[in-house]
Amino acid sequence: FLSGEWEIQHMTHPLPATATTVALALKIGLAPLHFWLPEVVQGLTLTTGLILSTWQKLAPFVLMLQTPSTNSTLMIMLGLLSTLVGGWGGLNQTQLRKILAYSSIAHLGWMILVLQFNTHLTILALLTYFVMTFSAF
């Protein structure tokens, strides 16, 4: 309510834009808010893990596509950190589902990075991620 707007496209004040970005980053499991994702994916059934890894990421990405780029520095930092954490975190894992979770973190980091520069390429990367994840589960 700080910005006086109900629509996500019209958030111009930095505080609501940053709070929304951090909340969406937590929802999709971007680093440094990723700690819940590998453990949760490890404990789920294959069908539920597939839903969590694909379908549950669609709504936050649509919202991120609609948000104005008032906090592009935060998004770039989240994307870079997620890519690094996802790559390095998956190296030490021996369980397949945790490897898939860290791979998801890394892929989402790349998508967040690309989102700042080309939204059409982000949609293509998201669809490719869905196809790869469906085939892995």
C-alpha atoms as a PDB file:
ATOM      1  CA  PHE A   1       0.000   0.000   0.000  1.00  0.00           C
ATOM      2  CA  LEU A   2       3.041   2.233   0.214  1.00  0.00           C
ATOM      3  CA  SER A   3       3.045   2.839  -3.513  1.00  0.00           C
ATOM      4  CA  GLY A   4      -0.704   3.489  -3.622  1.00  0.00           C
ATOM      5  CA  GLU A   5      -1.204   0.957  -6.414  1.00  0.00           C
ATOM      6  CA  TRP A   6      -2.808  -2.450  -6.514  1.00  0.00           C
ATOM      7  CA  GLU A   7      -1.261  -3.534  -9.793  1.00  0.00           C
ATOM      8  CA  ILE A   8       2.168  -5.093  -9.904  1.00  0.00           C
ATOM      9  CA  GLN A   9       3.048  -3.257 -13.129  1.00  0.00           C
ATOM     10  CA  HIS A  10       2.792   0.122 -11.389  1.00  0.00           C
ATOM     11  CA  MET A  11       5.080  -0.451  -8.422  1.00  0.00           C
ATOM     12  CA  THR A  12       7.447   2.485  -8.575  1.00  0.00           C
ATOM     13  CA  HIS A  13       8.471   2.763  -4.939  1.00  0.00           C
ATOM     14  CA  PRO A  14      11.604   0.675  -4.189  1.00  0.00           C
ATOM     15  CA  LEU A  15      10.337  -0.852  -0.920  1.00  0.00           C
ATOM     16  CA  PRO A  16       7.294  -2.728  -2.304  1.00  0.00           C
ATOM     17  CA  ALA A  17       9.219  -3.685  -5.440  1.00  0.00           C
ATOM     18  CA  THR A  18      12.083  -5.126  -3.386  1.00  0.00           C
ATOM     19  CA  ALA A  19       9.730  -6.908  -0.970  1.00  0.00           C
ATOM     20  CA  THR A  20       7.833  -8.466  -3.869  1.00  0.00           C
ATOM     21  CA  THR A  21      11.061  -9.525  -5.573  1.00  0.00           C
ATOM     22  CA  VAL A  22      12.407 -11.150  -2.407  1.00  0.00           C
ATOM     23  CA  ALA A  23       9.087 -12.935  -1.796  1.00  0.00           C
ATOM     24  CA  LEU A  24       9.037 -14.304  -5.338  1.00  0.00           C
ATOM     25  CA  ALA A  25      12.701 -15.316  -5.038  1.00  0.00           C
ATOM     26  CA  LEU A  26      11.832 -17.281  -1.902  1.00  0.00           C
ATOM     27  CA  LYS A  27       8.898 -18.918  -3.679  1.00  0.00           C
ATOM     28  CA  ILE A  28      10.956 -20.165  -6.622  1.00  0.00           C
ATOM     29  CA  GLY A  29      14.017 -21.026  -4.534  1.00  0.00           C
ATOM     30  CA  LEU A  30      16.619 -18.505  -5.676  1.00  0.00           C
ATOM     31  CA  ALA A  31      19.806 -18.203  -3.653  1.00  0.00           C
ATOM     32  CA  PRO A  32      20.308 -17.064  -0.889  1.00  0.00           C
ATOM     33  CA  LEU A  33      16.700 -18.093  -0.145  1.00  0.00           C
ATOM     34  CA  HIS A  34      17.157 -21.593  -1.568  1.00  0.00           C
ATOM     35  CA  PHE A  35      17.887 -23.651   1.544  1.00  0.00           C
ATOM     36  CA  TRP A  36      14.435 -25.214   1.712  1.00  0.00           C
ATOM     37  CA  LEU A  37      14.370 -26.488  -1.884  1.00  0.00           C
ATOM     38  CA  PRO A  38      16.865 -29.428  -1.905  1.00  0.00           C
ATOM     39  CA  GLU A  39      15.516 -30.915   1.316  1.00  0.00           C
ATOM     40  CA  VAL A  40      11.896 -30.567   0.238  1.00  0.00           C
ATOM     41  CA  VAL A  41      12.492 -32.059  -3.218  1.00  0.00           C
ATOM     42  CA  GLN A  42      14.374 -34.963  -1.603  1.00  0.00           C
ATOM     43  CA  GLY A  43      11.421 -35.798   0.637  1.00  0.00           C
ATOM     44  CA  LEU A  44       8.654 -35.605  -1.976  1.00  0.00           C
ATOM     45  CA  THR A  45       7.272 -38.270  -4.256  1.00  0.00           C
ATOM     46  CA  LEU A  46       8.240 -38.033  -7.923  1.00  0.00           C
ATOM     47  CA  THR A  47       4.897 -36.580  -8.994  1.00  0.00           C
ATOM     48  CA  THR A  48       4.847 -33.969  -6.254  1.00  0.00           C
ATOM     49  CA  GLY A  49       8.498 -33.136  -6.905  1.00  0.00           C
ATOM     50  CA  LEU A  50       7.684 -32.616 -10.573  1.00  0.00           C
ATOM     51  CA  ILE A  51       4.826 -30.276  -9.675  1.00  0.00           C
ATOM     52  CA  LEU A  52       7.030 -28.330  -7.261  1.00  0.00           C
ATOM     53  CA  SER A  53       9.854 -28.070  -9.784  1.00  0.00           C
ATOM     54  CA  THR A  54       7.695 -26.944 -12.710  1.00  0.00           C
ATOM     55  CA  TRP A  55       4.108 -25.852 -12.123  1.00  0.00           C
ATOM     56  CA  GLN A  56       4.840 -23.976  -8.887  1.00  0.00           C
ATOM     57  CA  LYS A  57       7.439 -21.836 -10.684  1.00  0.00           C
ATOM     58  CA  LEU A  58       5.072 -20.620 -13.391  1.00  0.00           C
ATOM     59  CA  ALA A  59       3.087 -18.039 -11.388  1.00  0.00           C
ATOM     60  CA  PRO A  60       6.131 -16.377  -9.769  1.00  0.00           C
ATOM     61  CA  PHE A  61       7.819 -16.085 -13.155  1.00  0.00           C
ATOM     62  CA  VAL A  62       4.736 -14.510 -14.698  1.00  0.00           C
ATOM     63  CA  LEU A  63       4.733 -11.983 -11.862  1.00  0.00           C
ATOM     64  CA  MET A  64       8.452 -11.343 -12.328  1.00  0.00           C
ATOM     65  CA  LEU A  65       7.854 -10.754 -16.029  1.00  0.00           C
ATOM     66  CA  GLN A  66       5.258  -8.113 -15.152  1.00  0.00           C
ATOM     67  CA  THR A  67       7.209  -6.246 -12.500  1.00  0.00           C
ATOM     68  CA  PRO A  68       8.971  -3.088 -13.593  1.00  0.00           C
ATOM     69  CA  SER A  69      12.743  -3.137 -13.639  1.00  0.00           C
ATOM     70  CA  THR A  70      13.169  -0.772 -10.681  1.00  0.00           C
ATOM     71  CA  ASN A  71      15.379  -3.272  -8.873  1.00  0.00           C
ATOM     72  CA  SER A  72      17.369  -4.792 -11.719  1.00  0.00           C
ATOM     73  CA  THR A  73      20.567  -4.760  -9.646  1.00  0.00           C
ATOM     74  CA  LEU A  74      18.921  -6.986  -7.024  1.00  0.00           C
ATOM     75  CA  MET A  75      17.647  -9.339  -9.718  1.00  0.00           C
ATOM     76  CA  ILE A  76      21.080  -9.580 -11.349  1.00  0.00           C
ATOM     77  CA  MET A  77      22.707 -10.310  -7.984  1.00  0.00           C
ATOM     78  CA  LEU A  78      20.076 -12.975  -7.180  1.00  0.00           C
ATOM     79  CA  GLY A  79      20.606 -14.533 -10.601  1.00  0.00           C
ATOM     80  CA  LEU A  80      24.393 -14.614 -10.326  1.00  0.00           C
ATOM     81  CA  LEU A  81      24.317 -15.972  -6.792  1.00  0.00           C
ATOM     82  CA  SER A  82      21.767 -18.637  -7.734  1.00  0.00           C
ATOM     83  CA  THR A  83      23.824 -19.752 -10.701  1.00  0.00           C
ATOM     84  CA  LEU A  84      26.955 -20.090  -8.571  1.00  0.00           C
ATOM     85  CA  VAL A  85      25.223 -21.744  -5.599  1.00  0.00           C
ATOM     86  CA  GLY A  86      23.293 -24.125  -7.852  1.00  0.00           C
ATOM     87  CA  GLY A  87      26.424 -25.203  -9.689  1.00  0.00           C
ATOM     88  CA  TRP A  88      28.661 -25.577  -6.672  1.00  0.00           C
ATOM     89  CA  GLY A  89      25.982 -27.017  -4.402  1.00  0.00           C
ATOM     90  CA  GLY A  90      25.174 -29.805  -6.813  1.00  0.00           C
ATOM     91  CA  LEU A  91      28.786 -30.957  -7.054  1.00  0.00           C
ATOM     92  CA  ASN A  92      28.846 -32.406  -3.551  1.00  0.00           C
ATOM     93  CA  GLN A  93      25.530 -34.260  -3.725  1.00  0.00           C
ATOM     94  CA  THR A  94      25.077 -38.005  -4.067  1.00  0.00           C
ATOM     95  CA  GLN A  95      21.277 -38.131  -4.120  1.00  0.00           C
ATOM     96  CA  LEU A  96      19.611 -37.610  -7.481  1.00  0.00           C
ATOM     97  CA  ARG A  97      16.740 -35.439  -6.282  1.00  0.00           C
ATOM     98  CA  LYS A  98      19.078 -33.039  -4.495  1.00  0.00           C
ATOM     99  CA  ILE A  99      21.170 -32.804  -7.655  1.00  0.00           C
ATOM    100  CA  LEU A 100      17.976 -31.962  -9.557  1.00  0.00           C
ATOM    101  CA  ALA A 101      17.090 -29.327  -6.943  1.00  0.00           C
ATOM    102  CA  TYR A 102      20.484 -27.638  -7.218  1.00  0.00           C
ATOM    103  CA  SER A 103      20.231 -27.845 -10.994  1.00  0.00           C
ATOM    104  CA  SER A 104      16.872 -26.115 -10.709  1.00  0.00           C
ATOM    105  CA  ILE A 105      18.429 -23.347  -8.599  1.00  0.00           C
ATOM    106  CA  ALA A 106      21.148 -22.823 -11.218  1.00  0.00           C
ATOM    107  CA  HIS A 107      18.715 -22.817 -14.140  1.00  0.00           C
ATOM    108  CA  LEU A 108      16.442 -20.344 -12.385  1.00  0.00           C
ATOM    109  CA  GLY A 109      19.436 -18.116 -11.757  1.00  0.00           C
ATOM    110  CA  TRP A 110      20.191 -18.059 -15.475  1.00  0.00           C
ATOM    111  CA  MET A 111      16.556 -17.259 -16.230  1.00  0.00           C
ATOM    112  CA  ILE A 112      16.528 -14.369 -13.755  1.00  0.00           C
ATOM    113  CA  LEU A 113      19.696 -13.000 -15.352  1.00  0.00           C
ATOM    114  CA  VAL A 114      18.231 -13.230 -18.846  1.00  0.00           C
ATOM    115  CA  LEU A 115      14.957 -11.692 -17.616  1.00  0.00           C
ATOM    116  CA  GLN A 116      16.713  -8.378 -17.079  1.00  0.00           C
ATOM    117  CA  PHE A 117      17.792  -8.194 -20.709  1.00  0.00           C
ATOM    118  CA  ASN A 118      15.331 -10.126 -22.897  1.00  0.00           C
ATOM    119  CA  THR A 119      11.914 -11.319 -21.718  1.00  0.00           C
ATOM    120  CA  HIS A 120      11.259 -13.433 -24.821  1.00  0.00           C
ATOM    121  CA  LEU A 121      14.449 -15.380 -24.252  1.00  0.00           C
ATOM    122  CA  THR A 122      13.411 -15.889 -20.614  1.00  0.00           C
ATOM    123  CA  ILE A 123      10.107 -17.432 -21.696  1.00  0.00           C
ATOM    124  CA  LEU A 124      11.977 -19.728 -24.090  1.00  0.00           C
ATOM    125  CA  ALA A 125      14.405 -20.715 -21.313  1.00  0.00           C
ATOM    126  CA  LEU A 126      11.488 -21.380 -18.936  1.00  0.00           C
ATOM    127  CA  LEU A 127       9.785 -23.630 -21.478  1.00  0.00           C
ATOM    128  CA  THR A 128      13.067 -25.467 -22.101  1.00  0.00           C
ATOM    129  CA  TYR A 129      13.499 -25.868 -18.336  1.00  0.00           C
ATOM    130  CA  PHE A 130       9.987 -27.352 -18.100  1.00  0.00           C
ATOM    131  CA  VAL A 131      10.717 -29.866 -20.874  1.00  0.00           C
ATOM    132  CA  MET A 132      14.040 -30.889 -19.303  1.00  0.00           C
ATOM    133  CA  THR A 133      12.498 -31.219 -15.847  1.00  0.00           C
ATOM    134  CA  PHE A 134       9.535 -33.241 -17.129  1.00  0.00           C
ATOM    135  CA  SER A 135      11.935 -35.668 -18.792  1.00  0.00           C
ATOM    136  CA  ALA A 136      14.087 -35.932 -15.641  1.00  0.00           C
ATOM    137  CA  PHE A 137      11.195 -36.766 -13.338  1.00  0.00           C
END
